Amino acid sequence: MVSFRLIPPILVLVRNRDHNPYHREMFSNTVDSIAYSPNGKTVAGVGKNGKIRLWDVETGKHKQTFAGHKWIVNSLTFSPNRKTLASGSTDGTILLWEVP
């Protein structure tokens, strides 16, 4: 497991439609895992509190929060159709979340 400890806020570099890089402040604490949706429009991130947060990459707006694991969530991945997010935890569970 890799854990990134950065000084808050964590900045995510994205590119706009003109391919010009800019950043969005999306996470304000330790991030254990992140995943981009296949279309690159949504990023999911999870920290030590175990709450999985979804963000709109273009606007930087929070879209959804998921919670349900008992221990640390250390992996995230989107399904190819972007409709499901899978999260794996050190509690031995894998949960599937419906993505809006």
PDB file of N, CA and C in Angstrom:
ATOM      1  N   MET A   1       0.838  -1.177   0.000  1.00  0.00           N
ATOM      2  CA  MET A   1       0.000   0.000   0.000  1.00  0.00           C
ATOM      3  C   MET A   1       0.884   1.241   0.000  1.00  0.00           C
ATOM      4  N   VAL A   2       0.560   2.172  -0.852  1.00  0.00           N
ATOM      5  CA  VAL A   2       1.278   3.433  -0.929  1.00  0.00           C
ATOM      6  C   VAL A   2       0.380   4.522  -0.376  1.00  0.00           C
ATOM      7  N   SER A   3       0.901   5.328   0.514  1.00  0.00           N
ATOM      8  CA  SER A   3       0.143   6.446   1.061  1.00  0.00           C
ATOM      9  C   SER A   3       0.901   7.725   0.761  1.00  0.00           C
ATOM     10  N   PHE A   4       0.184   8.715   0.277  1.00  0.00           N
ATOM     11  CA  PHE A   4       0.798   9.987  -0.055  1.00  0.00           C
ATOM     12  C   PHE A   4       0.487  10.986   1.045  1.00  0.00           C
ATOM     13  N   ARG A   5       1.500  11.556   1.634  1.00  0.00           N
ATOM     14  CA  ARG A   5       1.291  12.575   2.669  1.00  0.00           C
ATOM     15  C   ARG A   5       1.757  13.896   2.092  1.00  0.00           C
ATOM     16  N   LEU A   6       0.819  14.745   1.800  1.00  0.00           N
ATOM     17  CA  LEU A   6       1.118  16.041   1.217  1.00  0.00           C
ATOM     18  C   LEU A   6       0.579  17.126   2.125  1.00  0.00           C
ATOM     19  N   ILE A   7       1.158  18.275   2.027  1.00  0.00           N
ATOM     20  CA  ILE A   7       0.666  19.413   2.803  1.00  0.00           C
ATOM     21  C   ILE A   7      -0.655  19.864   2.184  1.00  0.00           C
ATOM     22  N   PRO A   8      -1.730  19.903   2.970  1.00  0.00           N
ATOM     23  CA  PRO A   8      -3.038  20.283   2.423  1.00  0.00           C
ATOM     24  C   PRO A   8      -3.008  21.702   1.871  1.00  0.00           C
ATOM     25  N   PRO A   9      -3.849  22.045   0.912  1.00  0.00           N
ATOM     26  CA  PRO A   9      -4.718  21.125   0.188  1.00  0.00           C
ATOM     27  C   PRO A   9      -3.944  20.384  -0.889  1.00  0.00           C
ATOM     28  N   ILE A  10      -4.413  19.230  -1.271  1.00  0.00           N
ATOM     29  CA  ILE A  10      -3.782  18.454  -2.336  1.00  0.00           C
ATOM     30  C   ILE A  10      -4.309  18.980  -3.656  1.00  0.00           C
ATOM     31  N   LEU A  11      -3.411  19.248  -4.562  1.00  0.00           N
ATOM     32  CA  LEU A  11      -3.776  19.798  -5.857  1.00  0.00           C
ATOM     33  C   LEU A  11      -3.719  18.699  -6.902  1.00  0.00           C
ATOM     34  N   VAL A  12      -4.716  18.638  -7.734  1.00  0.00           N
ATOM     35  CA  VAL A  12      -4.760  17.675  -8.819  1.00  0.00           C
ATOM     36  C   VAL A  12      -4.599  18.448 -10.117  1.00  0.00           C
ATOM     37  N   LEU A  13      -3.594  18.092 -10.911  1.00  0.00           N
ATOM     38  CA  LEU A  13      -3.352  18.760 -12.184  1.00  0.00           C
ATOM     39  C   LEU A  13      -4.262  18.145 -13.233  1.00  0.00           C
ATOM     40  N   VAL A  14      -5.004  18.972 -13.893  1.00  0.00           N
ATOM     41  CA  VAL A  14      -5.886  18.513 -14.960  1.00  0.00           C
ATOM     42  C   VAL A  14      -5.682  19.403 -16.176  1.00  0.00           C
ATOM     43  N   ARG A  15      -6.224  18.975 -17.285  1.00  0.00           N
ATOM     44  CA  ARG A  15      -6.147  19.783 -18.504  1.00  0.00           C
ATOM     45  C   ARG A  15      -7.558  20.134 -18.940  1.00  0.00           C
ATOM     46  N   ASN A  16      -7.726  21.384 -19.373  1.00  0.00           N
ATOM     47  CA  ASN A  16      -9.046  21.781 -19.842  1.00  0.00           C
ATOM     48  C   ASN A  16      -9.221  21.344 -21.297  1.00  0.00           C
ATOM     49  N   ARG A  17     -10.335  21.712 -21.880  1.00  0.00           N
ATOM     50  CA  ARG A  17     -10.637  21.272 -23.252  1.00  0.00           C
ATOM     51  C   ARG A  17      -9.603  21.749 -24.268  1.00  0.00           C
ATOM     52  N   ASP A  18      -8.923  22.848 -23.975  1.00  0.00           N
ATOM     53  CA  ASP A  18      -7.881  23.358 -24.867  1.00  0.00           C
ATOM     54  C   ASP A  18      -6.525  22.746 -24.559  1.00  0.00           C
ATOM     55  N   HIS A  19      -6.509  21.747 -23.661  1.00  0.00           N
ATOM     56  CA  HIS A  19      -5.305  21.024 -23.256  1.00  0.00           C
ATOM     57  C   HIS A  19      -4.312  21.894 -22.496  1.00  0.00           C
ATOM     58  N   ASN A  20      -4.802  22.970 -21.888  1.00  0.00           N
ATOM     59  CA  ASN A  20      -3.956  23.818 -21.052  1.00  0.00           C
ATOM     60  C   ASN A  20      -4.029  23.306 -19.614  1.00  0.00           C
ATOM     61  N   PRO A  21      -2.880  23.051 -18.996  1.00  0.00           N
ATOM     62  CA  PRO A  21      -2.923  22.529 -17.627  1.00  0.00           C
ATOM     63  C   PRO A  21      -3.357  23.583 -16.612  1.00  0.00           C
ATOM     64  N   TYR A  22      -4.112  23.150 -15.639  1.00  0.00           N
ATOM     65  CA  TYR A  22      -4.470  23.970 -14.490  1.00  0.00           C
ATOM     66  C   TYR A  22      -4.721  23.017 -13.341  1.00  0.00           C
ATOM     67  N   HIS A  23      -4.929  23.531 -12.170  1.00  0.00           N
ATOM     68  CA  HIS A  23      -5.120  22.640 -11.030  1.00  0.00           C
ATOM     69  C   HIS A  23      -6.433  22.924 -10.317  1.00  0.00           C
ATOM     70  N   ARG A  24      -6.857  21.921  -9.569  1.00  0.00           N
ATOM     71  CA  ARG A  24      -8.045  22.028  -8.732  1.00  0.00           C
ATOM     72  C   ARG A  24      -7.676  21.549  -7.343  1.00  0.00           C
ATOM     73  N   GLU A  25      -8.164  22.231  -6.338  1.00  0.00           N
ATOM     74  CA  GLU A  25      -7.985  21.777  -4.961  1.00  0.00           C
ATOM     75  C   GLU A  25      -9.120  20.809  -4.655  1.00  0.00           C
ATOM     76  N   MET A  26      -8.779  19.543  -4.460  1.00  0.00           N
ATOM     77  CA  MET A  26      -9.818  18.547  -4.279  1.00  0.00           C
ATOM     78  C   MET A  26      -9.733  17.796  -2.962  1.00  0.00           C
ATOM     79  N   PHE A  27      -8.566  17.615  -2.444  1.00  0.00           N
ATOM     80  CA  PHE A  27      -8.420  16.839  -1.217  1.00  0.00           C
ATOM     81  C   PHE A  27      -7.684  17.695  -0.194  1.00  0.00           C
ATOM     82  N   SER A  28      -8.071  17.583   1.057  1.00  0.00           N
ATOM     83  CA  SER A  28      -7.471  18.433   2.072  1.00  0.00           C
ATOM     84  C   SER A  28      -6.730  17.645   3.140  1.00  0.00           C
ATOM     85  N   ASN A  29      -6.413  16.391   2.877  1.00  0.00           N
ATOM     86  CA  ASN A  29      -5.708  15.587   3.859  1.00  0.00           C
ATOM     87  C   ASN A  29      -4.946  14.473   3.152  1.00  0.00           C
ATOM     88  N   THR A  30      -4.499  13.482   3.905  1.00  0.00           N
ATOM     89  CA  THR A  30      -3.784  12.347   3.338  1.00  0.00           C
ATOM     90  C   THR A  30      -4.671  11.613   2.345  1.00  0.00           C
ATOM     91  N   VAL A  31      -4.107  11.216   1.222  1.00  0.00           N
ATOM     92  CA  VAL A  31      -4.821  10.440   0.217  1.00  0.00           C
ATOM     93  C   VAL A  31      -4.147   9.085   0.103  1.00  0.00           C
ATOM     94  N   ASP A  32      -4.921   8.022   0.323  1.00  0.00           N
ATOM     95  CA  ASP A  32      -4.386   6.665   0.225  1.00  0.00           C
ATOM     96  C   ASP A  32      -4.523   6.095  -1.174  1.00  0.00           C
ATOM     97  N   SER A  33      -5.552   6.499  -1.892  1.00  0.00           N
ATOM     98  CA  SER A  33      -5.766   5.978  -3.238  1.00  0.00           C
ATOM     99  C   SER A  33      -6.605   6.961  -4.027  1.00  0.00           C
ATOM    100  N   ILE A  34      -6.309   7.076  -5.327  1.00  0.00           N
ATOM    101  CA  ILE A  34      -7.148   7.863  -6.235  1.00  0.00           C
ATOM    102  C   ILE A  34      -7.377   7.056  -7.499  1.00  0.00           C
ATOM    103  N   ALA A  35      -8.460   7.358  -8.177  1.00  0.00           N
ATOM    104  CA  ALA A  35      -8.758   6.725  -9.465  1.00  0.00           C
ATOM    105  C   ALA A  35      -9.503   7.724 -10.330  1.00  0.00           C
ATOM    106  N   TYR A  36      -9.131   7.784 -11.596  1.00  0.00           N
ATOM    107  CA  TYR A  36      -9.850   8.602 -12.562  1.00  0.00           C
ATOM    108  C   TYR A  36     -10.838   7.721 -13.303  1.00  0.00           C
ATOM    109  N   SER A  37     -12.021   8.256 -13.592  1.00  0.00           N
ATOM    110  CA  SER A  37     -12.994   7.522 -14.400  1.00  0.00           C
ATOM    111  C   SER A  37     -12.427   7.360 -15.808  1.00  0.00           C
ATOM    112  N   PRO A  38     -12.877   6.356 -16.555  1.00  0.00           N
ATOM    113  CA  PRO A  38     -12.345   6.131 -17.897  1.00  0.00           C
ATOM    114  C   PRO A  38     -12.470   7.331 -18.837  1.00  0.00           C
ATOM    115  N   ASN A  39     -13.490   8.160 -18.649  1.00  0.00           N
ATOM    116  CA  ASN A  39     -13.619   9.341 -19.507  1.00  0.00           C
ATOM    117  C   ASN A  39     -12.854  10.550 -18.972  1.00  0.00           C
ATOM    118  N   GLY A  40     -12.209  10.404 -17.804  1.00  0.00           N
ATOM    119  CA  GLY A  40     -11.397  11.475 -17.234  1.00  0.00           C
ATOM    120  C   GLY A  40     -12.180  12.615 -16.622  1.00  0.00           C
ATOM    121  N   LYS A  41     -13.504  12.472 -16.480  1.00  0.00           N
ATOM    122  CA  LYS A  41     -14.320  13.566 -15.970  1.00  0.00           C
ATOM    123  C   LYS A  41     -14.530  13.527 -14.460  1.00  0.00           C
ATOM    124  N   THR A  42     -14.264  12.391 -13.843  1.00  0.00           N
ATOM    125  CA  THR A  42     -14.467  12.230 -12.408  1.00  0.00           C
ATOM    126  C   THR A  42     -13.218  11.631 -11.786  1.00  0.00           C
ATOM    127  N   VAL A  43     -12.857  12.134 -10.616  1.00  0.00           N
ATOM    128  CA  VAL A  43     -11.769  11.533  -9.852  1.00  0.00           C
ATOM    129  C   VAL A  43     -12.341  11.106  -8.500  1.00  0.00           C
ATOM    130  N   ALA A  44     -11.941   9.909  -8.080  1.00  0.00           N
ATOM    131  CA  ALA A  44     -12.337   9.394  -6.769  1.00  0.00           C
ATOM    132  C   ALA A  44     -11.097   9.366  -5.896  1.00  0.00           C
ATOM    133  N   GLY A  45     -11.248   9.716  -4.642  1.00  0.00           N
ATOM    134  CA  GLY A  45     -10.124   9.690  -3.710  1.00  0.00           C
ATOM    135  C   GLY A  45     -10.589   9.258  -2.337  1.00  0.00           C
ATOM    136  N   VAL A  46      -9.682   8.631  -1.598  1.00  0.00           N
ATOM    137  CA  VAL A  46     -10.005   8.180  -0.250  1.00  0.00           C
ATOM    138  C   VAL A  46      -8.813   8.424   0.650  1.00  0.00           C
ATOM    139  N   GLY A  47      -9.087   8.854   1.869  1.00  0.00           N
ATOM    140  CA  GLY A  47      -8.030   9.112   2.849  1.00  0.00           C
ATOM    141  C   GLY A  47      -8.195   8.225   4.063  1.00  0.00           C
ATOM    142  N   LYS A  48      -7.522   8.585   5.127  1.00  0.00           N
ATOM    143  CA  LYS A  48      -7.509   7.790   6.357  1.00  0.00           C
ATOM    144  C   LYS A  48      -8.877   7.638   7.007  1.00  0.00           C
ATOM    145  N   ASN A  49      -9.793   8.576   6.753  1.00  0.00           N
ATOM    146  CA  ASN A  49     -11.117   8.488   7.367  1.00  0.00           C
ATOM    147  C   ASN A  49     -12.003   7.449   6.688  1.00  0.00           C
ATOM    148  N   GLY A  50     -11.561   6.882   5.572  1.00  0.00           N
ATOM    149  CA  GLY A  50     -12.298   5.833   4.881  1.00  0.00           C
ATOM    150  C   GLY A  50     -13.434   6.313   4.006  1.00  0.00           C
ATOM    151  N   LYS A  51     -13.663   7.614   3.948  1.00  0.00           N
ATOM    152  CA  LYS A  51     -14.726   8.148   3.104  1.00  0.00           C
ATOM    153  C   LYS A  51     -14.204   8.334   1.681  1.00  0.00           C
ATOM    154  N   ILE A  52     -14.921   7.781   0.748  1.00  0.00           N
ATOM    155  CA  ILE A  52     -14.569   7.886  -0.664  1.00  0.00           C
ATOM    156  C   ILE A  52     -15.307   9.087  -1.225  1.00  0.00           C
ATOM    157  N   ARG A  53     -14.574   9.983  -1.830  1.00  0.00           N
ATOM    158  CA  ARG A  53     -15.182  11.201  -2.369  1.00  0.00           C
ATOM    159  C   ARG A  53     -14.989  11.250  -3.872  1.00  0.00           C
ATOM    160  N   LEU A  54     -16.054  11.649  -4.565  1.00  0.00           N
ATOM    161  CA  LEU A  54     -16.012  11.827  -6.011  1.00  0.00           C
ATOM    162  C   LEU A  54     -16.037  13.315  -6.316  1.00  0.00           C
ATOM    163  N   TRP A  55     -15.204  13.704  -7.293  1.00  0.00           N
ATOM    164  CA  TRP A  55     -15.093  15.107  -7.677  1.00  0.00           C
ATOM    165  C   TRP A  55     -15.207  15.238  -9.182  1.00  0.00           C
ATOM    166  N   ASP A  56     -15.822  16.309  -9.618  1.00  0.00           N
ATOM    167  CA  ASP A  56     -15.860  16.659 -11.031  1.00  0.00           C
ATOM    168  C   ASP A  56     -14.528  17.302 -11.384  1.00  0.00           C
ATOM    169  N   VAL A  57     -13.822  16.740 -12.347  1.00  0.00           N
ATOM    170  CA  VAL A  57     -12.480  17.234 -12.689  1.00  0.00           C
ATOM    171  C   VAL A  57     -12.530  18.629 -13.291  1.00  0.00           C
ATOM    172  N   GLU A  58     -13.510  18.906 -14.144  1.00  0.00           N
ATOM    173  CA  GLU A  58     -13.593  20.207 -14.802  1.00  0.00           C
ATOM    174  C   GLU A  58     -13.887  21.344 -13.829  1.00  0.00           C
ATOM    175  N   THR A  59     -14.831  21.127 -12.929  1.00  0.00           N
ATOM    176  CA  THR A  59     -15.272  22.210 -12.045  1.00  0.00           C
ATOM    177  C   THR A  59     -14.630  22.164 -10.663  1.00  0.00           C
ATOM    178  N   GLY A  60     -14.113  20.996 -10.275  1.00  0.00           N
ATOM    179  CA  GLY A  60     -13.557  20.827  -8.940  1.00  0.00           C
ATOM    180  C   GLY A  60     -14.630  20.655  -7.873  1.00  0.00           C
ATOM    181  N   LYS A  61     -15.881  20.509  -8.279  1.00  0.00           N
ATOM    182  CA  LYS A  61     -16.980  20.385  -7.323  1.00  0.00           C
ATOM    183  C   LYS A  61     -17.130  18.951  -6.821  1.00  0.00           C
ATOM    184  N   HIS A  62     -17.427  18.849  -5.521  1.00  0.00           N
ATOM    185  CA  HIS A  62     -17.685  17.556  -4.896  1.00  0.00           C
ATOM    186  C   HIS A  62     -18.997  17.001  -5.440  1.00  0.00           C
ATOM    187  N   LYS A  63     -18.991  15.711  -5.853  1.00  0.00           N
ATOM    188  CA  LYS A  63     -20.181  15.097  -6.434  1.00  0.00           C
ATOM    189  C   LYS A  63     -20.881  14.127  -5.490  1.00  0.00           C
ATOM    190  N   GLN A  64     -20.111  13.346  -4.742  1.00  0.00           N
ATOM    191  CA  GLN A  64     -20.701  12.266  -3.953  1.00  0.00           C
ATOM    192  C   GLN A  64     -19.697  11.800  -2.909  1.00  0.00           C
ATOM    193  N   THR A  65     -20.189  11.281  -1.791  1.00  0.00           N
ATOM    194  CA  THR A  65     -19.346  10.649  -0.773  1.00  0.00           C
ATOM    195  C   THR A  65     -19.913   9.268  -0.477  1.00  0.00           C
ATOM    196  N   PHE A  66     -19.030   8.273  -0.406  1.00  0.00           N
ATOM    197  CA  PHE A  66     -19.413   6.914  -0.050  1.00  0.00           C
ATOM    198  C   PHE A  66     -18.686   6.514   1.225  1.00  0.00           C
ATOM    199  N   ALA A  67     -19.370   5.788   2.092  1.00  0.00           N
ATOM    200  CA  ALA A  67     -18.750   5.260   3.307  1.00  0.00           C
ATOM    201  C   ALA A  67     -19.363   3.900   3.598  1.00  0.00           C
ATOM    202  N   GLY A  68     -18.535   2.970   4.098  1.00  0.00           N
ATOM    203  CA  GLY A  68     -19.069   1.662   4.401  1.00  0.00           C
ATOM    204  C   GLY A  68     -18.030   0.659   4.870  1.00  0.00           C
ATOM    205  N   HIS A  69     -16.765   0.922   4.556  1.00  0.00           N
ATOM    206  CA  HIS A  69     -15.705   0.027   5.011  1.00  0.00           C
ATOM    207  C   HIS A  69     -15.417   0.272   6.490  1.00  0.00           C
ATOM    208  N   LYS A  70     -14.988  -0.773   7.186  1.00  0.00           N
ATOM    209  CA  LYS A  70     -14.666  -0.655   8.601  1.00  0.00           C
ATOM    210  C   LYS A  70     -13.225  -0.238   8.842  1.00  0.00           C
ATOM    211  N   TRP A  71     -12.340  -0.554   7.882  1.00  0.00           N
ATOM    212  CA  TRP A  71     -10.926  -0.220   8.030  1.00  0.00           C
ATOM    213  C   TRP A  71     -10.481   0.626   6.847  1.00  0.00           C
ATOM    214  N   ILE A  72      -9.179   0.788   6.715  1.00  0.00           N
ATOM    215  CA  ILE A  72      -8.593   1.640   5.678  1.00  0.00           C
ATOM    216  C   ILE A  72      -8.937   1.128   4.280  1.00  0.00           C
ATOM    217  N   VAL A  73      -9.359   2.048   3.410  1.00  0.00           N
ATOM    218  CA  VAL A  73      -9.599   1.744   1.999  1.00  0.00           C
ATOM    219  C   VAL A  73      -8.286   2.004   1.273  1.00  0.00           C
ATOM    220  N   ASN A  74      -7.784   0.974   0.594  1.00  0.00           N
ATOM    221  CA  ASN A  74      -6.476   1.138  -0.043  1.00  0.00           C
ATOM    222  C   ASN A  74      -6.494   0.939  -1.550  1.00  0.00           C
ATOM    223  N   SER A  75      -7.668   0.750  -2.142  1.00  0.00           N
ATOM    224  CA  SER A  75      -7.705   0.649  -3.599  1.00  0.00           C
ATOM    225  C   SER A  75      -9.060   1.098  -4.130  1.00  0.00           C
ATOM    226  N   LEU A  76      -9.006   1.744  -5.278  1.00  0.00           N
ATOM    227  CA  LEU A  76     -10.198   2.232  -5.968  1.00  0.00           C
ATOM    228  C   LEU A  76     -10.040   1.978  -7.459  1.00  0.00           C
ATOM    229  N   THR A  77     -11.121   1.605  -8.118  1.00  0.00           N
ATOM    230  CA  THR A  77     -11.093   1.496  -9.576  1.00  0.00           C
ATOM    231  C   THR A  77     -12.504   1.654 -10.131  1.00  0.00           C
ATOM    232  N   PHE A  78     -12.601   2.297 -11.277  1.00  0.00           N
ATOM    233  CA  PHE A  78     -13.870   2.461 -11.970  1.00  0.00           C
ATOM    234  C   PHE A  78     -14.078   1.323 -12.956  1.00  0.00           C
ATOM    235  N   SER A  79     -15.335   0.963 -13.175  1.00  0.00           N
ATOM    236  CA  SER A  79     -15.658   0.001 -14.227  1.00  0.00           C
ATOM    237  C   SER A  79     -15.473   0.692 -15.574  1.00  0.00           C
ATOM    238  N   PRO A  80     -15.258  -0.090 -16.645  1.00  0.00           N
ATOM    239  CA  PRO A  80     -15.075   0.535 -17.963  1.00  0.00           C
ATOM    240  C   PRO A  80     -16.235   1.427 -18.396  1.00  0.00           C
ATOM    241  N   ASN A  81     -17.469   1.137 -17.953  1.00  0.00           N
ATOM    242  CA  ASN A  81     -18.606   1.973 -18.353  1.00  0.00           C
ATOM    243  C   ASN A  81     -18.832   3.169 -17.424  1.00  0.00           C
ATOM    244  N   ARG A  82     -17.969   3.356 -16.395  1.00  0.00           N
ATOM    245  CA  ARG A  82     -17.978   4.489 -15.467  1.00  0.00           C
ATOM    246  C   ARG A  82     -19.156   4.477 -14.500  1.00  0.00           C
ATOM    247  N   LYS A  83     -19.985   3.446 -14.499  1.00  0.00           N
ATOM    248  CA  LYS A  83     -21.185   3.435 -13.674  1.00  0.00           C
ATOM    249  C   LYS A  83     -20.977   2.792 -12.312  1.00  0.00           C
ATOM    250  N   THR A  84     -19.837   2.141 -12.124  1.00  0.00           N
ATOM    251  CA  THR A  84     -19.560   1.463 -10.865  1.00  0.00           C
ATOM    252  C   THR A  84     -18.146   1.784 -10.413  1.00  0.00           C
ATOM    253  N   LEU A  85     -17.997   2.040  -9.114  1.00  0.00           N
ATOM    254  CA  LEU A  85     -16.686   2.223  -8.494  1.00  0.00           C
ATOM    255  C   LEU A  85     -16.492   1.073  -7.516  1.00  0.00           C
ATOM    256  N   ALA A  86     -15.366   0.391  -7.614  1.00  0.00           N
ATOM    257  CA  ALA A  86     -15.042  -0.681  -6.676  1.00  0.00           C
ATOM    258  C   ALA A  86     -14.009  -0.157  -5.696  1.00  0.00           C
ATOM    259  N   SER A  87     -14.201  -0.479  -4.407  1.00  0.00           N
ATOM    260  CA  SER A  87     -13.230  -0.083  -3.383  1.00  0.00           C
ATOM    261  C   SER A  87     -12.829  -1.319  -2.588  1.00  0.00           C
ATOM    262  N   GLY A  88     -11.542  -1.420  -2.322  1.00  0.00           N
ATOM    263  CA  GLY A  88     -11.023  -2.531  -1.536  1.00  0.00           C
ATOM    264  C   GLY A  88     -10.433  -2.019  -0.238  1.00  0.00           C
ATOM    265  N   SER A  89     -10.613  -2.797   0.831  1.00  0.00           N
ATOM    266  CA  SER A  89     -10.198  -2.354   2.154  1.00  0.00           C
ATOM    267  C   SER A  89      -9.373  -3.422   2.854  1.00  0.00           C
ATOM    268  N   THR A  90      -8.594  -2.963   3.841  1.00  0.00           N
ATOM    269  CA  THR A  90      -7.832  -3.890   4.666  1.00  0.00           C
ATOM    270  C   THR A  90      -8.734  -4.690   5.598  1.00  0.00           C
ATOM    271  N   ASP A  91     -10.033  -4.365   5.629  1.00  0.00           N
ATOM    272  CA  ASP A  91     -10.967  -5.182   6.406  1.00  0.00           C
ATOM    273  C   ASP A  91     -11.368  -6.451   5.646  1.00  0.00           C
ATOM    274  N   GLY A  92     -10.804  -6.624   4.434  1.00  0.00           N
ATOM    275  CA  GLY A  92     -11.058  -7.818   3.638  1.00  0.00           C
ATOM    276  C   GLY A  92     -12.278  -7.738   2.744  1.00  0.00           C
ATOM    277  N   THR A  93     -12.859  -6.543   2.619  1.00  0.00           N
ATOM    278  CA  THR A  93     -14.058  -6.398   1.796  1.00  0.00           C
ATOM    279  C   THR A  93     -13.773  -5.616   0.524  1.00  0.00           C
ATOM    280  N   ILE A  94     -14.569  -5.909  -0.481  1.00  0.00           N
ATOM    281  CA  ILE A  94     -14.614  -5.118  -1.708  1.00  0.00           C
ATOM    282  C   ILE A  94     -16.058  -4.667  -1.847  1.00  0.00           C
ATOM    283  N   LEU A  95     -16.267  -3.368  -1.948  1.00  0.00           N
ATOM    284  CA  LEU A  95     -17.612  -2.818  -2.084  1.00  0.00           C
ATOM    285  C   LEU A  95     -17.766  -2.204  -3.472  1.00  0.00           C
ATOM    286  N   LEU A  96     -18.961  -2.318  -4.036  1.00  0.00           N
ATOM    287  CA  LEU A  96     -19.283  -1.737  -5.331  1.00  0.00           C
ATOM    288  C   LEU A  96     -20.263  -0.592  -5.114  1.00  0.00           C
ATOM    289  N   TRP A  97     -19.954   0.551  -5.726  1.00  0.00           N
ATOM    290  CA  TRP A  97     -20.757   1.758  -5.546  1.00  0.00           C
ATOM    291  C   TRP A  97     -21.317   2.196  -6.891  1.00  0.00           C
ATOM    292  N   GLU A  98     -22.587   2.593  -6.889  1.00  0.00           N
ATOM    293  CA  GLU A  98     -23.204   3.130  -8.107  1.00  0.00           C
ATOM    294  C   GLU A  98     -22.787   4.590  -8.249  1.00  0.00           C
ATOM    295  N   VAL A  99     -22.180   4.909  -9.378  1.00  0.00           N
ATOM    296  CA  VAL A  99     -21.674   6.256  -9.622  1.00  0.00           C
ATOM    297  C   VAL A  99     -22.737   7.075 -10.344  1.00  0.00           C
ATOM    298  N   PRO A 100     -23.036   8.271  -9.826  1.00  0.00           N
ATOM    299  CA  PRO A 100     -24.072   9.103 -10.461  1.00  0.00           C
ATOM    300  C   PRO A 100     -23.621   9.628 -11.825  1.00  0.00           C
TER     301      PRO A 100
END
